[in-house]
C-alpha atoms as a PDB file:
ATOM      1  CA  MET A   1      35.365 -59.978 -82.945  1.00  0.00           C
ATOM      2  CA  THR A   2      33.115 -62.818 -82.053  1.00  0.00           C
ATOM      3  CA  SER A   3      31.939 -64.739 -79.216  1.00  0.00           C
ATOM      4  CA  LYS A   4      33.063 -67.409 -77.640  1.00  0.00           C
ATOM      5  CA  ASN A   5      30.204 -68.935 -77.282  1.00  0.00           C
ATOM      6  CA  GLN A   6      28.418 -69.788 -81.036  1.00  0.00           C
ATOM      7  CA  PRO A   7      24.843 -70.075 -80.538  1.00  0.00           C
ATOM      8  CA  PRO A   8      23.486 -73.670 -81.928  1.00  0.00           C
ATOM      9  CA  PHE A   9      22.939 -74.149 -85.799  1.00  0.00           C
ATOM     10  CA  LEU A  10      20.721 -76.605 -87.805  1.00  0.00           C
ATOM     11  CA  GLN A  11      22.806 -75.952 -91.238  1.00  0.00           C
ATOM     12  CA  PHE A  12      22.118 -77.712 -95.533  1.00  0.00           C
ATOM     13  CA  ASP A  13      21.691 -77.166 -98.237  1.00  0.00           C
ATOM     14  CA  SER A  14      19.366 -74.294 -99.851  1.00  0.00           C
ATOM     15  CA  PRO A  15      15.927 -75.853-100.635  1.00  0.00           C
ATOM     16  CA  TRP A  16      15.828 -73.764-103.919  1.00  0.00           C
ATOM     17  CA  VAL A  17      17.435 -75.105-107.227  1.00  0.00           C
ATOM     18  CA  LEU A  18      17.912 -71.438-108.409  1.00  0.00           C
ATOM     19  CA  ASP A  19      18.964 -69.742-105.016  1.00  0.00           C
ATOM     20  CA  PRO A  20      21.763 -73.033-104.504  1.00  0.00           C
ATOM     21  CA  GLY A  21      23.768 -72.610-100.692  1.00  0.00           C
ATOM     22  CA  THR A  22      24.542 -73.373 -97.661  1.00  0.00           C
ATOM     23  CA  VAL A  23      21.774 -72.672 -94.813  1.00  0.00           C
ATOM     24  CA  ARG A  24      21.689 -71.695 -91.391  1.00  0.00           C
ATOM     25  CA  VAL A  25      18.831 -71.558 -89.215  1.00  0.00           C
ATOM     26  CA  LEU A  26      19.181 -71.091 -85.442  1.00  0.00           C
ATOM     27  CA  SER A  27      18.386 -74.151 -83.171  1.00  0.00           C
ATOM     28  CA  PRO A  28      15.895 -75.884 -82.340  1.00  0.00           C
ATOM     29  CA  PRO A  29      13.204 -73.185 -84.288  1.00  0.00           C
ATOM     30  CA  ASP A  30       9.437 -74.420 -82.736  1.00  0.00           C
ATOM     31  CA  GLY A  31      11.602 -78.038 -82.372  1.00  0.00           C
ATOM     32  CA  LEU A  32      11.401 -78.596 -86.055  1.00  0.00           C
ATOM     33  CA  SER A  33      13.802 -81.730 -87.744  1.00  0.00           C
ATOM     34  CA  GLU A  34      15.854 -80.588 -90.256  1.00  0.00           C
ATOM     35  CA  ALA A  35      13.811 -81.641 -92.849  1.00  0.00           C
ATOM     36  CA  GLU A  36      11.155 -80.011 -91.761  1.00  0.00           C
ATOM     37  CA  VAL A  37      12.982 -76.863 -91.428  1.00  0.00           C
ATOM     38  CA  SER A  38      13.972 -77.442 -95.060  1.00  0.00           C
ATOM     39  CA  GLN A  39      10.654 -78.104 -96.319  1.00  0.00           C
ATOM     40  CA  ARG A  40       9.022 -74.946 -94.510  1.00  0.00           C
ATOM     41  CA  LEU A  41      11.899 -73.007 -95.476  1.00  0.00           C
ATOM     42  CA  LYS A  42      11.037 -74.030 -99.389  1.00  0.00           C
ATOM     43  CA  ASP A  43       7.528 -73.652 -98.838  1.00  0.00           C
ATOM     44  CA  GLY A  44       7.989 -69.994 -97.020  1.00  0.00           C
ATOM     45  CA  VAL A  45       5.736 -70.208 -94.239  1.00  0.00           C
ATOM     46  CA  LEU A  46       8.965 -70.779 -91.722  1.00  0.00           C
ATOM     47  CA  ALA A  47       8.775 -67.433 -89.337  1.00  0.00           C
ATOM     48  CA  HIS A  48      12.378 -67.744 -88.162  1.00  0.00           C
ATOM     49  CA  PRO A  49      14.938 -65.970 -89.747  1.00  0.00           C
ATOM     50  CA  TYR A  50      17.940 -67.127 -91.663  1.00  0.00           C
ATOM     51  CA  ILE A  51      21.209 -67.394 -93.134  1.00  0.00           C
ATOM     52  CA  LEU A  52      21.656 -68.243 -96.637  1.00  0.00           C
ATOM     53  CA  GLU A  53      25.717 -68.826 -97.914  1.00  0.00           C
ATOM     54  CA  THR A  54      27.157 -68.555-101.171  1.00  0.00           C
ATOM     55  CA  THR A  55      31.187 -68.962-102.429  1.00  0.00           C
ATOM     56  CA  SER A  56      30.259 -64.599-102.513  1.00  0.00           C
ATOM     57  CA  GLU A  57      28.040 -63.377-100.250  1.00  0.00           C
ATOM     58  CA  ARG A  58      25.792 -64.077 -96.873  1.00  0.00           C
ATOM     59  CA  ARG A  59      22.380 -62.862 -96.810  1.00  0.00           C
ATOM     60  CA  LEU A  60      19.845 -62.559 -93.934  1.00  0.00           C
ATOM     61  CA  HIS A  61      16.405 -63.681 -94.403  1.00  0.00           C
ATOM     62  CA  PHE A  62      12.495 -63.181 -92.910  1.00  0.00           C
ATOM     63  CA  ALA A  63      11.544 -65.835 -96.214  1.00  0.00           C
ATOM     64  CA  PRO A  64      12.732 -66.486 -99.363  1.00  0.00           C
ATOM     65  CA  ASP A  65      11.273 -63.263-100.844  1.00  0.00           C
ATOM     66  CA  SER A  66      12.378 -60.839 -98.240  1.00  0.00           C
ATOM     67  CA  ILE A  67      15.849 -60.151 -98.569  1.00  0.00           C
ATOM     68  CA  GLN A  68      17.119 -57.650 -95.170  1.00  0.00           C
ATOM     69  CA  SER A  69      20.651 -58.380 -95.227  1.00  0.00           C
ATOM     70  CA  VAL A  70      23.344 -58.527 -97.704  1.00  0.00           C
ATOM     71  CA  MET A  71      27.590 -59.095 -96.216  1.00  0.00           C
ATOM     72  CA  SER A  72      30.512 -59.318 -98.709  1.00  0.00           C
ATOM     73  CA  LEU A  73      32.349 -62.584 -97.406  1.00  0.00           C
ATOM     74  CA  ASP A  74      35.749 -60.184 -98.896  1.00  0.00           C
ATOM     75  CA  GLU A  75      34.577 -57.578 -97.829  1.00  0.00           C
ATOM     76  CA  PRO A  76      32.436 -58.111 -94.636  1.00  0.00           C
ATOM     77  CA  ASP A  77      31.875 -54.239 -93.598  1.00  0.00           C
ATOM     78  CA  ALA A  78      31.170 -53.674 -97.132  1.00  0.00           C
ATOM     79  CA  LEU A  79      27.879 -51.580 -97.953  1.00  0.00           C
ATOM     80  CA  ILE A  80      26.491 -54.139-100.789  1.00  0.00           C
ATOM     81  CA  SER A  81      22.937 -52.692-100.924  1.00  0.00           C
ATOM     82  CA  ALA A  82      22.518 -49.820-102.936  1.00  0.00           C
ATOM     83  CA  TYR A  83      19.669 -48.018-100.915  1.00  0.00           C
ATOM     84  CA  THR A  84      21.781 -48.224 -97.468  1.00  0.00           C
ATOM     85  CA  ARG A  85      24.757 -46.596 -99.237  1.00  0.00           C
ATOM     86  CA  LYS A  86      22.447 -44.108-100.051  1.00  0.00           C
ATOM     87  CA  MET A  87      21.195 -43.688 -97.044  1.00  0.00           C
ATOM     88  CA  MET A  88      24.983 -42.657 -95.763  1.00  0.00           C
ATOM     89  CA  ALA A  89      24.060 -39.140 -97.420  1.00  0.00           C
ATOM     90  CA  PHE A  90      22.589 -37.991 -94.166  1.00  0.00           C
ATOM     91  CA  LEU A  91      26.721 -37.059 -93.665  1.00  0.00           C
ATOM     92  CA  LEU A  92      25.760 -34.534 -95.915  1.00  0.00           C
ATOM     93  CA  PHE A  93      23.770 -32.639 -93.496  1.00  0.00           C
ATOM     94  CA  LYS A  94      24.997 -33.850 -90.509  1.00  0.00           C
ATOM     95  CA  PRO A  95      28.903 -34.848 -91.145  1.00  0.00           C
ATOM     96  CA  GLN A  96      30.048 -35.124 -87.476  1.00  0.00           C
ATOM     97  CA  PRO A  97      26.825 -36.728 -85.495  1.00  0.00           C
ATOM     98  CA  ARG A  98      27.534 -37.094 -81.957  1.00  0.00           C
ATOM     99  CA  ASN A  99      25.182 -39.671 -82.369  1.00  0.00           C
ATOM    100  CA  ILE A 100      23.424 -41.749 -84.229  1.00  0.00           C
ATOM    101  CA  VAL A 101      19.746 -44.988 -83.635  1.00  0.00           C
ATOM    102  CA  MET A 102      19.215 -46.961 -86.040  1.00  0.00           C
ATOM    103  CA  VAL A 103      16.051 -49.087 -85.660  1.00  0.00           C
ATOM    104  CA  GLY A 104      16.584 -52.150 -87.166  1.00  0.00           C
ATOM    105  CA  LEU A 105      19.716 -54.307 -86.719  1.00  0.00           C
ATOM    106  CA  GLY A 106      19.070 -56.469 -89.936  1.00  0.00           C
ATOM    107  CA  GLY A 107      22.696 -58.116 -91.339  1.00  0.00           C
ATOM    108  CA  GLY A 108      23.922 -55.247 -89.345  1.00  0.00           C
ATOM    109  CA  SER A 109      25.134 -53.300 -92.669  1.00  0.00           C
ATOM    110  CA  LEU A 110      24.598 -49.343 -91.322  1.00  0.00           C
ATOM    111  CA  PRO A 111      25.389 -50.127 -87.561  1.00  0.00           C
ATOM    112  CA  LYS A 112      28.986 -51.643 -89.533  1.00  0.00           C
ATOM    113  CA  PHE A 113      29.746 -48.635 -91.293  1.00  0.00           C
ATOM    114  CA  CYS A 114      28.789 -46.738 -88.937  1.00  0.00           C
ATOM    115  CA  TYR A 115      31.607 -47.967 -86.484  1.00  0.00           C
ATOM    116  CA  ARG A 116      34.607 -48.785 -88.759  1.00  0.00           C
ATOM    117  CA  TYR A 117      34.255 -44.985 -89.937  1.00  0.00           C
ATOM    118  CA  LEU A 118      32.318 -42.262 -87.651  1.00  0.00           C
ATOM    119  CA  ARG A 119      35.015 -42.884 -85.144  1.00  0.00           C
ATOM    120  CA  LYS A 120      33.483 -40.343 -82.474  1.00  0.00           C
ATOM    121  CA  THR A 121      30.248 -41.180 -82.526  1.00  0.00           C
ATOM    122  CA  GLN A 122      28.004 -43.056 -80.225  1.00  0.00           C
ATOM    123  CA  ILE A 123      26.006 -45.786 -81.946  1.00  0.00           C
ATOM    124  CA  THR A 124      22.935 -47.399 -80.329  1.00  0.00           C
ATOM    125  CA  VAL A 125      21.011 -50.198 -82.276  1.00  0.00           C
ATOM    126  CA  VAL A 126      17.580 -51.129 -81.469  1.00  0.00           C
ATOM    127  CA  GLU A 127      16.478 -54.695 -82.480  1.00  0.00           C
ATOM    128  CA  ILE A 128      12.793 -56.063 -81.535  1.00  0.00           C
ATOM    129  CA  ASP A 129      14.465 -59.864 -82.437  1.00  0.00           C
ATOM    130  CA  ALA A 130      16.274 -61.381 -80.288  1.00  0.00           C
ATOM    131  CA  ARG A 131      16.952 -64.092 -82.378  1.00  0.00           C
ATOM    132  CA  VAL A 132      18.472 -61.485 -84.996  1.00  0.00           C
ATOM    133  CA  ILE A 133      20.652 -60.368 -82.667  1.00  0.00           C
ATOM    134  CA  ALA A 134      21.596 -64.030 -81.867  1.00  0.00           C
ATOM    135  CA  LEU A 135      23.121 -63.335 -85.816  1.00  0.00           C
ATOM    136  CA  ARG A 136      25.284 -60.227 -84.848  1.00  0.00           C
ATOM    137  CA  ASP A 137      28.469 -62.429 -84.884  1.00  0.00           C
ATOM    138  CA  GLU A 138      27.425 -64.418 -88.101  1.00  0.00           C
ATOM    139  CA  PHE A 139      27.677 -60.703 -89.504  1.00  0.00           C
ATOM    140  CA  ARG A 140      30.671 -59.195 -87.984  1.00  0.00           C
ATOM    141  CA  VAL A 141      28.895 -57.061 -85.746  1.00  0.00           C
ATOM    142  CA  PRO A 142      30.723 -54.852 -83.486  1.00  0.00           C
ATOM    143  CA  ALA A 143      30.542 -56.002 -79.921  1.00  0.00           C
ATOM    144  CA  ASP A 144      29.330 -53.509 -77.645  1.00  0.00           C
ATOM    145  CA  ASP A 145      31.867 -51.095 -76.270  1.00  0.00           C
ATOM    146  CA  ASP A 146      31.853 -47.270 -74.841  1.00  0.00           C
ATOM    147  CA  ARG A 147      30.559 -46.326 -77.904  1.00  0.00           C
ATOM    148  CA  PHE A 148      28.431 -48.663 -79.394  1.00  0.00           C
ATOM    149  CA  ARG A 149      25.648 -50.756 -78.114  1.00  0.00           C
ATOM    150  CA  ILE A 150      22.321 -53.414 -79.077  1.00  0.00           C
ATOM    151  CA  VAL A 151      19.324 -52.641 -77.095  1.00  0.00           C
ATOM    152  CA  CYS A 152      16.752 -55.519 -77.532  1.00  0.00           C
ATOM    153  CA  ASP A 153      14.066 -53.584 -77.103  1.00  0.00           C
ATOM    154  CA  ASP A 154      10.111 -52.299 -79.535  1.00  0.00           C
ATOM    155  CA  GLY A 155      11.260 -49.138 -81.276  1.00  0.00           C
ATOM    156  CA  ALA A 156       8.560 -47.308 -80.733  1.00  0.00           C
ATOM    157  CA  ARG A 157       9.036 -48.300 -77.009  1.00  0.00           C
ATOM    158  CA  TYR A 158      12.602 -47.650 -76.711  1.00  0.00           C
ATOM    159  CA  MET A 159      12.074 -43.505 -77.899  1.00  0.00           C
ATOM    160  CA  ALA A 160       9.342 -43.087 -75.779  1.00  0.00           C
ATOM    161  CA  ASN A 161      11.933 -43.528 -72.978  1.00  0.00           C
ATOM    162  CA  ARG A 162      14.431 -42.150 -74.784  1.00  0.00           C
ATOM    163  CA  SER A 163      15.234 -38.633 -72.857  1.00  0.00           C
ATOM    164  CA  GLU A 164      19.068 -38.065 -75.032  1.00  0.00           C
ATOM    165  CA  ASN A 165      18.661 -36.349 -77.877  1.00  0.00           C
ATOM    166  CA  ILE A 166      19.943 -37.331 -81.309  1.00  0.00           C
ATOM    167  CA  ASP A 167      21.324 -36.169 -83.835  1.00  0.00           C
ATOM    168  CA  VAL A 168      20.432 -38.771 -86.673  1.00  0.00           C
ATOM    169  CA  LEU A 169      17.910 -41.185 -86.085  1.00  0.00           C
ATOM    170  CA  ILE A 170      17.913 -44.377 -88.615  1.00  0.00           C
ATOM    171  CA  VAL A 171      14.855 -46.225 -89.325  1.00  0.00           C
ATOM    172  CA  ASP A 172      15.552 -49.520 -90.954  1.00  0.00           C
ATOM    173  CA  ALA A 173      13.040 -52.345 -89.078  1.00  0.00           C
ATOM    174  CA  PHE A 174      10.352 -54.485 -91.063  1.00  0.00           C
ATOM    175  CA  ASP A 175       8.884 -57.434 -91.119  1.00  0.00           C
ATOM    176  CA  ARG A 176       8.291 -60.489 -92.976  1.00  0.00           C
ATOM    177  CA  ILE A 177       5.655 -58.080 -95.322  1.00  0.00           C
ATOM    178  CA  GLY A 178       7.610 -54.991 -95.250  1.00  0.00           C
ATOM    179  CA  LEU A 179       7.661 -51.951 -92.648  1.00  0.00           C
ATOM    180  CA  ALA A 180       7.319 -52.705 -88.482  1.00  0.00           C
ATOM    181  CA  PRO A 181       3.295 -51.530 -88.265  1.00  0.00           C
ATOM    182  CA  THR A 182       3.948 -50.705 -84.441  1.00  0.00           C
ATOM    183  CA  LEU A 183       5.949 -48.140 -85.776  1.00  0.00           C
ATOM    184  CA  ALA A 184       3.397 -46.180 -87.430  1.00  0.00           C
ATOM    185  CA  THR A 185       0.150 -48.027 -84.918  1.00  0.00           C
ATOM    186  CA  THR A 186       1.990 -45.890 -81.575  1.00  0.00           C
ATOM    187  CA  ASP A 187       3.769 -41.864 -81.267  1.00  0.00           C
ATOM    188  CA  PHE A 188       6.620 -43.655 -81.975  1.00  0.00           C
ATOM    189  CA  TYR A 189       7.234 -40.104 -85.365  1.00  0.00           C
ATOM    190  CA  THR A 190       6.201 -37.772 -82.707  1.00  0.00           C
ATOM    191  CA  GLN A 191       8.761 -38.825 -80.488  1.00  0.00           C
ATOM    192  CA  ALA A 192      11.093 -39.182 -82.433  1.00  0.00           C
ATOM    193  CA  ALA A 193      11.160 -35.878 -83.631  1.00  0.00           C
ATOM    194  CA  GLN A 194      10.649 -34.187 -79.982  1.00  0.00           C
ATOM    195  CA  ARG A 195      13.870 -36.660 -79.545  1.00  0.00           C
ATOM    196  CA  LEU A 196      16.377 -35.215 -82.614  1.00  0.00           C
ATOM    197  CA  SER A 197      17.796 -32.155 -82.007  1.00  0.00           C
ATOM    198  CA  PRO A 198      17.665 -28.803 -83.476  1.00  0.00           C
ATOM    199  CA  ASP A 199      20.180 -29.808 -86.674  1.00  0.00           C
ATOM    200  CA  GLY A 200      19.314 -33.872 -86.499  1.00  0.00           C
ATOM    201  CA  LEU A 201      17.209 -35.914 -88.965  1.00  0.00           C
ATOM    202  CA  LEU A 202      15.425 -38.508 -89.237  1.00  0.00           C
ATOM    203  CA  VAL A 203      16.676 -41.198 -92.344  1.00  0.00           C
ATOM    204  CA  MET A 204      14.482 -44.048 -93.247  1.00  0.00           C
ATOM    205  CA  ASN A 205      14.431 -47.173 -95.348  1.00  0.00           C
ATOM    206  CA  PHE A 206      11.085 -47.959 -97.295  1.00  0.00           C
ATOM    207  CA  SER A 207      10.635 -51.181 -99.118  1.00  0.00           C
ATOM    208  CA  GLY A 208       8.204 -54.395 -99.008  1.00  0.00           C
ATOM    209  CA  ASP A 209       4.118 -53.765 -99.156  1.00  0.00           C
ATOM    210  CA  THR A 210       3.810 -49.999-100.207  1.00  0.00           C
ATOM    211  CA  GLN A 211       0.637 -50.352 -98.667  1.00  0.00           C
ATOM    212  CA  ARG A 212       1.973 -49.453 -95.119  1.00  0.00           C
ATOM    213  CA  TYR A 213       4.358 -46.873 -97.041  1.00  0.00           C
ATOM    214  CA  SER A 214       1.170 -44.130 -96.906  1.00  0.00           C
ATOM    215  CA  THR A 215       0.719 -44.593 -92.822  1.00  0.00           C
ATOM    216  CA  HIS A 216       4.535 -44.102 -92.095  1.00  0.00           C
ATOM    217  CA  ILE A 217       4.215 -40.978 -94.535  1.00  0.00           C
ATOM    218  CA  LYS A 218       1.579 -39.364 -93.253  1.00  0.00           C
ATOM    219  CA  GLN A 219       2.281 -39.678 -89.939  1.00  0.00           C
ATOM    220  CA  ILE A 220       6.217 -38.106 -90.120  1.00  0.00           C
ATOM    221  CA  GLY A 221       4.600 -35.470 -91.855  1.00  0.00           C
ATOM    222  CA  VAL A 222       2.079 -34.373 -89.202  1.00  0.00           C
ATOM    223  CA  ALA A 223       5.211 -35.371 -86.813  1.00  0.00           C
ATOM    224  CA  PHE A 224       7.388 -33.517 -88.424  1.00  0.00           C
ATOM    225  CA  SER A 225       7.616 -29.475 -90.264  1.00  0.00           C
ATOM    226  CA  GLY A 226      11.016 -30.069 -91.584  1.00  0.00           C
ATOM    227  CA  SER A 227      12.227 -30.253 -94.849  1.00  0.00           C
ATOM    228  CA  LYS A 228      12.194 -33.429 -96.399  1.00  0.00           C
ATOM    229  CA  ALA A 229      12.855 -35.150 -99.627  1.00  0.00           C
ATOM    230  CA  LEU A 230      11.857 -38.394-100.365  1.00  0.00           C
ATOM    231  CA  LEU A 231      14.340 -40.187-103.151  1.00  0.00           C
ATOM    232  CA  PRO A 232      13.481 -43.756-105.236  1.00  0.00           C
ATOM    233  CA  VAL A 233      16.674 -46.335-105.120  1.00  0.00           C
ATOM    234  CA  THR A 234      15.817 -48.001-107.959  1.00  0.00           C
ATOM    235  CA  THR A 235      18.329 -51.003-108.241  1.00  0.00           C
ATOM    236  CA  ASP A 236      16.915 -52.023-104.820  1.00  0.00           C
ATOM    237  CA  ASP A 237      12.988 -51.243-105.556  1.00  0.00           C
ATOM    238  CA  ASN A 238      13.819 -48.529-101.995  1.00  0.00           C
ATOM    239  CA  LEU A 239      13.364 -46.253-101.327  1.00  0.00           C
ATOM    240  CA  VAL A 240      14.742 -43.243 -98.596  1.00  0.00           C
ATOM    241  CA  LEU A 241      12.856 -40.325 -97.174  1.00  0.00           C
ATOM    242  CA  PHE A 242      15.074 -37.466 -95.024  1.00  0.00           C
ATOM    243  CA  THR A 243      13.166 -36.269 -92.802  1.00  0.00           C
ATOM    244  CA  PHE A 244      14.377 -32.453 -91.199  1.00  0.00           C
ATOM    245  CA  LYS A 245      14.579 -31.177 -87.430  1.00  0.00           C
ATOM    246  CA  LYS A 246      13.580 -27.764 -89.426  1.00  0.00           C
ATOM    247  CA  ARG A 247      13.381 -26.218 -92.586  1.00  0.00           C
ATOM    248  CA  ILE A 248      16.907 -25.864 -94.289  1.00  0.00           C
ATOM    249  CA  SER A 249      17.764 -25.062 -97.863  1.00  0.00           C
ATOM    250  CA  LEU A 250      17.633 -28.214-100.090  1.00  0.00           C
ATOM    251  CA  ALA A 251      20.110 -26.342-102.992  1.00  0.00           C
ATOM    252  CA  THR A 252      23.479 -27.372-104.429  1.00  0.00           C
ATOM    253  CA  THR A 253      26.007 -24.876-102.399  1.00  0.00           C
ATOM    254  CA  ALA A 254      29.297 -24.859-102.871  1.00  0.00           C
ATOM    255  CA  ARG A 255      29.622 -25.933 -99.273  1.00  0.00           C
ATOM    256  CA  TYR A 256      27.484 -28.554-100.493  1.00  0.00           C
ATOM    257  CA  GLU A 257      29.826 -30.107-103.172  1.00  0.00           C
ATOM    258  CA  SER A 258      33.259 -29.754-101.114  1.00  0.00           C
ATOM    259  CA  ARG A 259      31.447 -31.674 -98.622  1.00  0.00           C
ATOM    260  CA  ALA A 260      30.023 -34.400-100.777  1.00  0.00           C
ATOM    261  CA  GLN A 261      34.110 -34.712-102.668  1.00  0.00           C
ATOM    262  CA  ARG A 262      35.659 -34.388 -99.033  1.00  0.00           C
ATOM    263  CA  LEU A 263      33.183 -37.200 -98.059  1.00  0.00           C
ATOM    264  CA  GLN A 264      33.341 -39.679-101.625  1.00  0.00           C
ATOM    265  CA  ALA A 265      37.345 -39.443-101.097  1.00  0.00           C
ATOM    266  CA  ARG A 266      37.171 -40.635 -97.637  1.00  0.00           C
ATOM    267  CA  LEU A 267      34.355 -43.240 -98.225  1.00  0.00           C
ATOM    268  CA  ALA A 268      34.379 -44.682-101.166  1.00  0.00           C
ATOM    269  CA  LEU A 269      30.233 -43.278-101.598  1.00  0.00           C
ATOM    270  CA  GLU A 270      29.113 -42.011-104.931  1.00  0.00           C
ATOM    271  CA  PHE A 271      28.132 -38.657-102.141  1.00  0.00           C
ATOM    272  CA  PRO A 272      28.107 -35.336-105.665  1.00  0.00           C
ATOM    273  CA  ARG A 273      25.239 -38.016-107.166  1.00  0.00           C
ATOM    274  CA  TYR A 274      23.536 -38.321-103.974  1.00  0.00           C
ATOM    275  CA  LEU A 275      23.158 -34.424-103.470  1.00  0.00           C
ATOM    276  CA  HIS A 276      22.167 -33.980-106.591  1.00  0.00           C
ATOM    277  CA  ARG A 277      19.488 -36.378-106.368  1.00  0.00           C
ATOM    278  CA  ILE A 278      18.073 -35.004-102.346  1.00  0.00           C
ATOM    279  CA  CYS A 279      18.900 -31.174-103.803  1.00  0.00           C
ATOM    280  CA  GLN A 280      18.093 -31.693-108.049  1.00  0.00           C
ATOM    281  CA  GLY A 281      15.372 -34.391-108.260  1.00  0.00           C
ATOM    282  CA  HIS A 282      13.904 -34.866-104.783  1.00  0.00           C
ATOM    283  CA  VAL A 283      10.054 -35.287-103.952  1.00  0.00           C
ATOM    284  CA  VAL A 284       8.826 -33.262-100.882  1.00  0.00           C
ATOM    285  CA  ILE A 285       6.031 -34.700 -99.139  1.00  0.00           C
END
C-alpha cells in the first residue's frame, strides 16, 4: 500500500560510471540544486539518505559505499541480503513470537518479510531518522495497522520508555560509518535484557566500522547472561549475533531439525544450514 501524498524527489542519472542507474533524493536536501546534490553524492559528502535504482533493484544508501538495504523490483518482499536471511533464524528458537521490536528501518526488508509471513505477530519498528521513514513507500513497506507500526524515535530512548515485554528484539541500526553509537553510549542493552520475555532473544547485525564492534559486544556480554552465538555472513561481510535471555542448549536436536525443515518448506530459507551454523559452528562470546 502506498501513500497518496508522495514526497517530492530530486531525480537524476547516477554520477558513477561503474554504478549506473537512477538516483532519487528527497528534496530539497539543505536547499541544494540538482547539480550540487549530484556532485556531493559523487564526492561522498552528502549527509542524506538516497535511493539508487537499477533495472532490477532499488537500494537505500547513506553513502556510496554504505548500502543500507536492497529490494528486488520483481520480488519486493524477498530477503536479498544474506545477513537478513540469516537473522530470520530466530524462528528456530522462537517460532511463534507474540511481538517483535526492530530497531532500524532501512529499506524495511525484515519488517516486510515478518509482516507477510508472521501474521499473528505484533511488529514495531523504531527508526530515528524521519527521512528514512519518508522513503517507506518507495520500498513497499506496509502502512501502519493493528499489527504493524513504525515509530520515529531513538532506539535507546524507546527501550527506556517501553514497559511491555519483547519476544524478539532485532537490531539493525547504523549511521554512515557503522553501528549506531547511541546504543553503546546508553543503557540500551541493559534495558533490552530487562524488556525481553523469559525465553526471548536479541538478534543483531554487525557491519561497517569494525572498531565499533568491541564496545557493543562488551556491553551485550555484561547485560545478558544467557547463551550467545556470533556468526559470520561471508557474502555480506557481516556478523549476526544471537543473544538469549537465558541459557539454552545450542545443540542440534531432532526437535530443532524438524522445525528447521518445516520453516524451510514454508519460508524458502535455508533453516537447516542456519541451525547447523548456530549449533555446531557458533562462536560464543
